[in-house]
């Protein structure tokens, strides 16, 4: 399955779930690693990367200041 990573901030979307952020992180890791699913010997590194990117994305989204529309 390949899907585009969607924008996860207002005004593009009003409600973002943890699952939305994790799905975007997973898609990113899949894209840069070239693996849809890692081999057993790479699973730990793959999963750790998804978690780190999920956390960084959540921190980014929480700290963004979106200007009001004009």
PDB file of N, CA and C in Angstrom:
ATOM      1  N   UNK A   1       0.840  -1.171   0.000  1.00  0.00           N
ATOM      2  CA  UNK A   1       0.000   0.000   0.000  1.00  0.00           C
ATOM      3  C   UNK A   1       0.886   1.236   0.000  1.00  0.00           C
ATOM      4  N   UNK A   2       0.621   2.113  -0.900  1.00  0.00           N
ATOM      5  CA  UNK A   2       1.374   3.356  -0.957  1.00  0.00           C
ATOM      6  C   UNK A   2       0.373   4.499  -0.996  1.00  0.00           C
ATOM      7  N   UNK A   3       0.506   5.402  -0.046  1.00  0.00           N
ATOM      8  CA  UNK A   3      -0.394   6.542  -0.042  1.00  0.00           C
ATOM      9  C   UNK A   3       0.417   7.788   0.240  1.00  0.00           C
ATOM     10  N   UNK A   4      -0.116   8.894  -0.143  1.00  0.00           N
ATOM     11  CA  UNK A   4       0.571  10.156   0.082  1.00  0.00           C
ATOM     12  C   UNK A   4       0.460  10.551   1.542  1.00  0.00           C
ATOM     13  N   UNK A   5       1.485  11.202   2.004  1.00  0.00           N
ATOM     14  CA  UNK A   5       1.445  11.754   3.350  1.00  0.00           C
ATOM     15  C   UNK A   5       0.635  13.040   3.266  1.00  0.00           C
ATOM     16  N   UNK A   6      -0.389  13.154   4.087  1.00  0.00           N
ATOM     17  CA  UNK A   6      -1.232  14.348   4.034  1.00  0.00           C
ATOM     18  C   UNK A   6      -0.766  15.401   5.034  1.00  0.00           C
ATOM     19  N   UNK A   7      -1.120  16.634   4.771  1.00  0.00           N
ATOM     20  CA  UNK A   7      -0.807  17.733   5.676  1.00  0.00           C
ATOM     21  C   UNK A   7      -1.633  17.559   6.941  1.00  0.00           C
ATOM     22  N   UNK A   8      -0.993  17.677   8.097  1.00  0.00           N
ATOM     23  CA  UNK A   8      -1.662  17.394   9.360  1.00  0.00           C
ATOM     24  C   UNK A   8      -1.817  18.625  10.247  1.00  0.00           C
ATOM     25  N   UNK A   9      -1.967  19.781   9.650  1.00  0.00           N
ATOM     26  CA  UNK A   9      -2.159  20.989  10.452  1.00  0.00           C
ATOM     27  C   UNK A   9      -3.310  21.806   9.876  1.00  0.00           C
ATOM     28  N   UNK A  10      -3.918  22.644  10.737  1.00  0.00           N
ATOM     29  CA  UNK A  10      -4.959  23.546  10.235  1.00  0.00           C
ATOM     30  C   UNK A  10      -4.352  24.506   9.223  1.00  0.00           C
ATOM     31  N   UNK A  11      -5.034  24.962   8.261  1.00  0.00           N
ATOM     32  CA  UNK A  11      -6.452  24.752   7.975  1.00  0.00           C
ATOM     33  C   UNK A  11      -6.715  23.521   7.121  1.00  0.00           C
ATOM     34  N   UNK A  12      -5.689  22.733   6.834  1.00  0.00           N
ATOM     35  CA  UNK A  12      -5.853  21.567   5.966  1.00  0.00           C
ATOM     36  C   UNK A  12      -6.658  20.461   6.640  1.00  0.00           C
ATOM     37  N   UNK A  13      -6.519  20.341   7.924  1.00  0.00           N
ATOM     38  CA  UNK A  13      -7.298  19.381   8.690  1.00  0.00           C
ATOM     39  C   UNK A  13      -7.505  19.945  10.089  1.00  0.00           C
ATOM     40  N   UNK A  14      -8.678  19.751  10.628  1.00  0.00           N
ATOM     41  CA  UNK A  14      -8.998  20.302  11.944  1.00  0.00           C
ATOM     42  C   UNK A  14      -8.690  19.332  13.082  1.00  0.00           C
ATOM     43  N   UNK A  15      -8.849  18.043  12.827  1.00  0.00           N
ATOM     44  CA  UNK A  15      -8.575  17.077  13.891  1.00  0.00           C
ATOM     45  C   UNK A  15      -7.561  16.056  13.408  1.00  0.00           C
ATOM     46  N   UNK A  16      -6.515  15.900  14.188  1.00  0.00           N
ATOM     47  CA  UNK A  16      -5.448  14.963  13.862  1.00  0.00           C
ATOM     48  C   UNK A  16      -5.333  13.978  15.016  1.00  0.00           C
ATOM     49  N   UNK A  17      -5.367  12.707  14.688  1.00  0.00           N
ATOM     50  CA  UNK A  17      -5.243  11.683  15.716  1.00  0.00           C
ATOM     51  C   UNK A  17      -3.809  11.170  15.795  1.00  0.00           C
ATOM     52  N   UNK A  18      -3.524  10.455  16.870  1.00  0.00           N
ATOM     53  CA  UNK A  18      -2.217   9.805  16.990  1.00  0.00           C
ATOM     54  C   UNK A  18      -1.986   8.853  15.827  1.00  0.00           C
ATOM     55  N   UNK A  19      -3.056   8.179  15.419  1.00  0.00           N
ATOM     56  CA  UNK A  19      -2.956   7.244  14.288  1.00  0.00           C
ATOM     57  C   UNK A  19      -2.584   7.961  12.996  1.00  0.00           C
ATOM     58  N   UNK A  20      -3.108   9.186  12.796  1.00  0.00           N
ATOM     59  CA  UNK A  20      -2.764   9.963  11.604  1.00  0.00           C
ATOM     60  C   UNK A  20      -1.270  10.285  11.582  1.00  0.00           C
ATOM     61  N   UNK A  21      -0.752  10.705  12.725  1.00  0.00           N
ATOM     62  CA  UNK A  21       0.665  11.084  12.814  1.00  0.00           C
ATOM     63  C   UNK A  21       1.544   9.853  12.640  1.00  0.00           C
ATOM     64  N   UNK A  22       1.164   8.753  13.262  1.00  0.00           N
ATOM     65  CA  UNK A  22       1.940   7.517  13.135  1.00  0.00           C
ATOM     66  C   UNK A  22       1.911   7.002  11.698  1.00  0.00           C
ATOM     67  N   UNK A  23       0.767   7.095  11.039  1.00  0.00           N
ATOM     68  CA  UNK A  23       0.666   6.643   9.645  1.00  0.00           C
ATOM     69  C   UNK A  23       1.589   7.453   8.744  1.00  0.00           C
ATOM     70  N   UNK A  24       1.665   8.754   8.984  1.00  0.00           N
ATOM     71  CA  UNK A  24       2.563   9.598   8.194  1.00  0.00           C
ATOM     72  C   UNK A  24       4.024   9.228   8.469  1.00  0.00           C
ATOM     73  N   UNK A  25       4.352   8.974   9.739  1.00  0.00           N
ATOM     74  CA  UNK A  25       5.720   8.576  10.091  1.00  0.00           C
ATOM     75  C   UNK A  25       6.075   7.237   9.454  1.00  0.00           C
ATOM     76  N   UNK A  26       5.153   6.303   9.489  1.00  0.00           N
ATOM     77  CA  UNK A  26       5.382   4.993   8.884  1.00  0.00           C
ATOM     78  C   UNK A  26       5.613   5.122   7.381  1.00  0.00           C
ATOM     79  N   UNK A  27       4.802   5.931   6.726  1.00  0.00           N
ATOM     80  CA  UNK A  27       4.956   6.132   5.283  1.00  0.00           C
ATOM     81  C   UNK A  27       6.323   6.750   4.965  1.00  0.00           C
ATOM     82  N   UNK A  28       6.743   7.705   5.794  1.00  0.00           N
ATOM     83  CA  UNK A  28       8.049   8.339   5.609  1.00  0.00           C
ATOM     84  C   UNK A  28       9.175   7.314   5.743  1.00  0.00           C
ATOM     85  N   UNK A  29       9.119   6.497   6.792  1.00  0.00           N
ATOM     86  CA  UNK A  29      10.165   5.487   7.006  1.00  0.00           C
ATOM     87  C   UNK A  29      10.171   4.476   5.862  1.00  0.00           C
ATOM     88  N   UNK A  30       9.001   4.076   5.408  1.00  0.00           N
ATOM     89  CA  UNK A  30       8.921   3.158   4.266  1.00  0.00           C
ATOM     90  C   UNK A  30       9.581   3.772   3.033  1.00  0.00           C
ATOM     91  N   UNK A  31       9.295   5.048   2.811  1.00  0.00           N
ATOM     92  CA  UNK A  31       9.815   5.720   1.619  1.00  0.00           C
ATOM     93  C   UNK A  31      11.338   5.817   1.657  1.00  0.00           C
ATOM     94  N   UNK A  32      11.882   6.309   2.777  1.00  0.00           N
ATOM     95  CA  UNK A  32      13.333   6.521   2.804  1.00  0.00           C
ATOM     96  C   UNK A  32      14.119   5.220   2.943  1.00  0.00           C
ATOM     97  N   UNK A  33      13.496   4.183   3.543  1.00  0.00           N
ATOM     98  CA  UNK A  33      14.207   2.910   3.690  1.00  0.00           C
ATOM     99  C   UNK A  33      14.089   2.045   2.441  1.00  0.00           C
ATOM    100  N   UNK A  34      13.028   2.270   1.667  1.00  0.00           N
ATOM    101  CA  UNK A  34      12.795   1.443   0.496  1.00  0.00           C
ATOM    102  C   UNK A  34      12.125   0.121   0.814  1.00  0.00           C
ATOM    103  N   UNK A  35      11.691  -0.052   2.062  1.00  0.00           N
ATOM    104  CA  UNK A  35      11.023  -1.288   2.486  1.00  0.00           C
ATOM    105  C   UNK A  35       9.588  -1.013   2.887  1.00  0.00           C
ATOM    106  N   UNK A  36       8.676  -1.829   2.384  1.00  0.00           N
ATOM    107  CA  UNK A  36       7.292  -1.743   2.848  1.00  0.00           C
ATOM    108  C   UNK A  36       7.200  -2.323   4.246  1.00  0.00           C
ATOM    109  N   UNK A  37       7.882  -3.432   4.452  1.00  0.00           N
ATOM    110  CA  UNK A  37       7.996  -4.078   5.759  1.00  0.00           C
ATOM    111  C   UNK A  37       9.434  -4.563   5.882  1.00  0.00           C
ATOM    112  N   UNK A  38      10.049  -4.337   7.011  1.00  0.00           N
ATOM    113  CA  UNK A  38      11.459  -4.718   7.147  1.00  0.00           C
ATOM    114  C   UNK A  38      11.622  -6.218   7.382  1.00  0.00           C
ATOM    115  N   UNK A  39      12.783  -6.712   7.044  1.00  0.00           N
ATOM    116  CA  UNK A  39      13.149  -8.085   7.390  1.00  0.00           C
ATOM    117  C   UNK A  39      13.294  -8.161   8.912  1.00  0.00           C
ATOM    118  N   UNK A  40      13.223  -9.335   9.443  1.00  0.00           N
ATOM    119  CA  UNK A  40      13.284  -9.520  10.898  1.00  0.00           C
ATOM    120  C   UNK A  40      14.507  -8.843  11.520  1.00  0.00           C
ATOM    121  N   UNK A  41      15.637  -8.924  10.849  1.00  0.00           N
ATOM    122  CA  UNK A  41      16.857  -8.347  11.414  1.00  0.00           C
ATOM    123  C   UNK A  41      16.864  -6.811  11.372  1.00  0.00           C
ATOM    124  N   UNK A  42      15.938  -6.202  10.639  1.00  0.00           N
ATOM    125  CA  UNK A  42      15.837  -4.743  10.583  1.00  0.00           C
ATOM    126  C   UNK A  42      14.593  -4.201  11.299  1.00  0.00           C
ATOM    127  N   UNK A  43      13.766  -5.073  11.820  1.00  0.00           N
ATOM    128  CA  UNK A  43      12.482  -4.660  12.404  1.00  0.00           C
ATOM    129  C   UNK A  43      12.646  -3.684  13.565  1.00  0.00           C
ATOM    130  N   UNK A  44      13.602  -3.927  14.436  1.00  0.00           N
ATOM    131  CA  UNK A  44      13.792  -3.053  15.595  1.00  0.00           C
ATOM    132  C   UNK A  44      14.177  -1.638  15.158  1.00  0.00           C
ATOM    133  N   UNK A  45      15.100  -1.517  14.239  1.00  0.00           N
ATOM    134  CA  UNK A  45      15.528  -0.203  13.745  1.00  0.00           C
ATOM    135  C   UNK A  45      14.384   0.503  13.030  1.00  0.00           C
ATOM    136  N   UNK A  46      13.625  -0.225  12.239  1.00  0.00           N
ATOM    137  CA  UNK A  46      12.483   0.317  11.498  1.00  0.00           C
ATOM    138  C   UNK A  46      11.430   0.843  12.477  1.00  0.00           C
ATOM    139  N   UNK A  47      11.061   0.015  13.458  1.00  0.00           N
ATOM    140  CA  UNK A  47      10.047   0.407  14.443  1.00  0.00           C
ATOM    141  C   UNK A  47      10.505   1.591  15.288  1.00  0.00           C
ATOM    142  N   UNK A  48      11.780   1.600  15.657  1.00  0.00           N
ATOM    143  CA  UNK A  48      12.331   2.705  16.444  1.00  0.00           C
ATOM    144  C   UNK A  48      12.277   4.007  15.640  1.00  0.00           C
ATOM    145  N   UNK A  49      12.591   3.928  14.357  1.00  0.00           N
ATOM    146  CA  UNK A  49      12.533   5.118  13.500  1.00  0.00           C
ATOM    147  C   UNK A  49      11.104   5.647  13.409  1.00  0.00           C
ATOM    148  N   UNK A  50      10.130   4.768  13.264  1.00  0.00           N
ATOM    149  CA  UNK A  50       8.723   5.199  13.208  1.00  0.00           C
ATOM    150  C   UNK A  50       8.348   5.915  14.502  1.00  0.00           C
ATOM    151  N   UNK A  51       8.745   5.366  15.635  1.00  0.00           N
ATOM    152  CA  UNK A  51       8.402   5.981  16.921  1.00  0.00           C
ATOM    153  C   UNK A  51       9.069   7.350  17.098  1.00  0.00           C
ATOM    154  N   UNK A  52      10.343   7.451  16.744  1.00  0.00           N
ATOM    155  CA  UNK A  52      11.069   8.722  16.873  1.00  0.00           C
ATOM    156  C   UNK A  52      10.457   9.788  15.961  1.00  0.00           C
ATOM    157  N   UNK A  53      10.138   9.418  14.741  1.00  0.00           N
ATOM    158  CA  UNK A  53       9.557  10.372  13.789  1.00  0.00           C
ATOM    159  C   UNK A  53       8.138  10.749  14.205  1.00  0.00           C
ATOM    160  N   UNK A  54       7.390   9.798  14.759  1.00  0.00           N
ATOM    161  CA  UNK A  54       6.057  10.106  15.272  1.00  0.00           C
ATOM    162  C   UNK A  54       6.153  11.149  16.377  1.00  0.00           C
ATOM    163  N   UNK A  55       7.044  10.940  17.320  1.00  0.00           N
ATOM    164  CA  UNK A  55       7.205  11.879  18.446  1.00  0.00           C
ATOM    165  C   UNK A  55       7.649  13.254  17.951  1.00  0.00           C
ATOM    166  N   UNK A  56       8.612  13.290  17.061  1.00  0.00           N
ATOM    167  CA  UNK A  56       9.089  14.563  16.525  1.00  0.00           C
ATOM    168  C   UNK A  56       7.972  15.286  15.768  1.00  0.00           C
ATOM    169  N   UNK A  57       7.167  14.546  15.049  1.00  0.00           N
ATOM    170  CA  UNK A  57       6.055  15.144  14.304  1.00  0.00           C
ATOM    171  C   UNK A  57       5.004  15.709  15.250  1.00  0.00           C
ATOM    172  N   UNK A  58       4.695  14.975  16.315  1.00  0.00           N
ATOM    173  CA  UNK A  58       3.731  15.463  17.302  1.00  0.00           C
ATOM    174  C   UNK A  58       4.239  16.744  17.965  1.00  0.00           C
ATOM    175  N   UNK A  59       5.529  16.790  18.294  1.00  0.00           N
ATOM    176  CA  UNK A  59       6.117  17.988  18.896  1.00  0.00           C
ATOM    177  C   UNK A  59       6.058  19.158  17.926  1.00  0.00           C
ATOM    178  N   UNK A  60       6.359  18.912  16.668  1.00  0.00           N
ATOM    179  CA  UNK A  60       6.301  19.955  15.651  1.00  0.00           C
ATOM    180  C   UNK A  60       4.882  20.505  15.525  1.00  0.00           C
ATOM    181  N   UNK A  61       3.918  19.630  15.365  1.00  0.00           N
ATOM    182  CA  UNK A  61       2.533  20.072  15.196  1.00  0.00           C
ATOM    183  C   UNK A  61       2.028  20.837  16.411  1.00  0.00           C
ATOM    184  N   UNK A  62       2.451  20.422  17.606  1.00  0.00           N
ATOM    185  CA  UNK A  62       2.022  21.094  18.832  1.00  0.00           C
ATOM    186  C   UNK A  62       2.631  22.490  18.971  1.00  0.00           C
ATOM    187  N   UNK A  63       3.784  22.700  18.366  1.00  0.00           N
ATOM    188  CA  UNK A  63       4.463  23.994  18.523  1.00  0.00           C
ATOM    189  C   UNK A  63       4.240  24.967  17.380  1.00  0.00           C
ATOM    190  N   UNK A  64       3.629  24.527  16.285  1.00  0.00           N
ATOM    191  CA  UNK A  64       3.387  25.427  15.151  1.00  0.00           C
ATOM    192  C   UNK A  64       2.340  26.471  15.503  1.00  0.00           C
ATOM    193  N   UNK A  65       2.579  27.676  15.045  1.00  0.00           N
ATOM    194  CA  UNK A  65       1.601  28.766  15.197  1.00  0.00           C
ATOM    195  C   UNK A  65       1.076  29.083  13.796  1.00  0.00           C
ATOM    196  N   UNK A  66      -0.193  28.802  13.598  1.00  0.00           N
ATOM    197  CA  UNK A  66      -0.814  29.001  12.305  1.00  0.00           C
ATOM    198  C   UNK A  66      -1.516  30.358  12.312  1.00  0.00           C
ATOM    199  N   UNK A  67      -1.167  31.184  11.358  1.00  0.00           N
ATOM    200  CA  UNK A  67      -1.791  32.503  11.259  1.00  0.00           C
ATOM    201  C   UNK A  67      -3.215  32.368  10.771  1.00  0.00           C
ATOM    202  N   UNK A  68      -4.082  33.264  11.218  1.00  0.00           N
ATOM    203  CA  UNK A  68      -5.468  33.261  10.773  1.00  0.00           C
ATOM    204  C   UNK A  68      -5.573  33.606   9.301  1.00  0.00           C
ATOM    205  N   UNK A  69      -6.631  33.130   8.661  1.00  0.00           N
ATOM    206  CA  UNK A  69      -6.811  33.427   7.236  1.00  0.00           C
ATOM    207  C   UNK A  69      -7.251  34.863   7.061  1.00  0.00           C
ATOM    208  N   UNK A  70      -6.893  35.441   5.939  1.00  0.00           N
ATOM    209  CA  UNK A  70      -7.209  36.857   5.681  1.00  0.00           C
ATOM    210  C   UNK A  70      -8.314  36.975   4.689  1.00  0.00           C
TER     211      UNK A  70
END
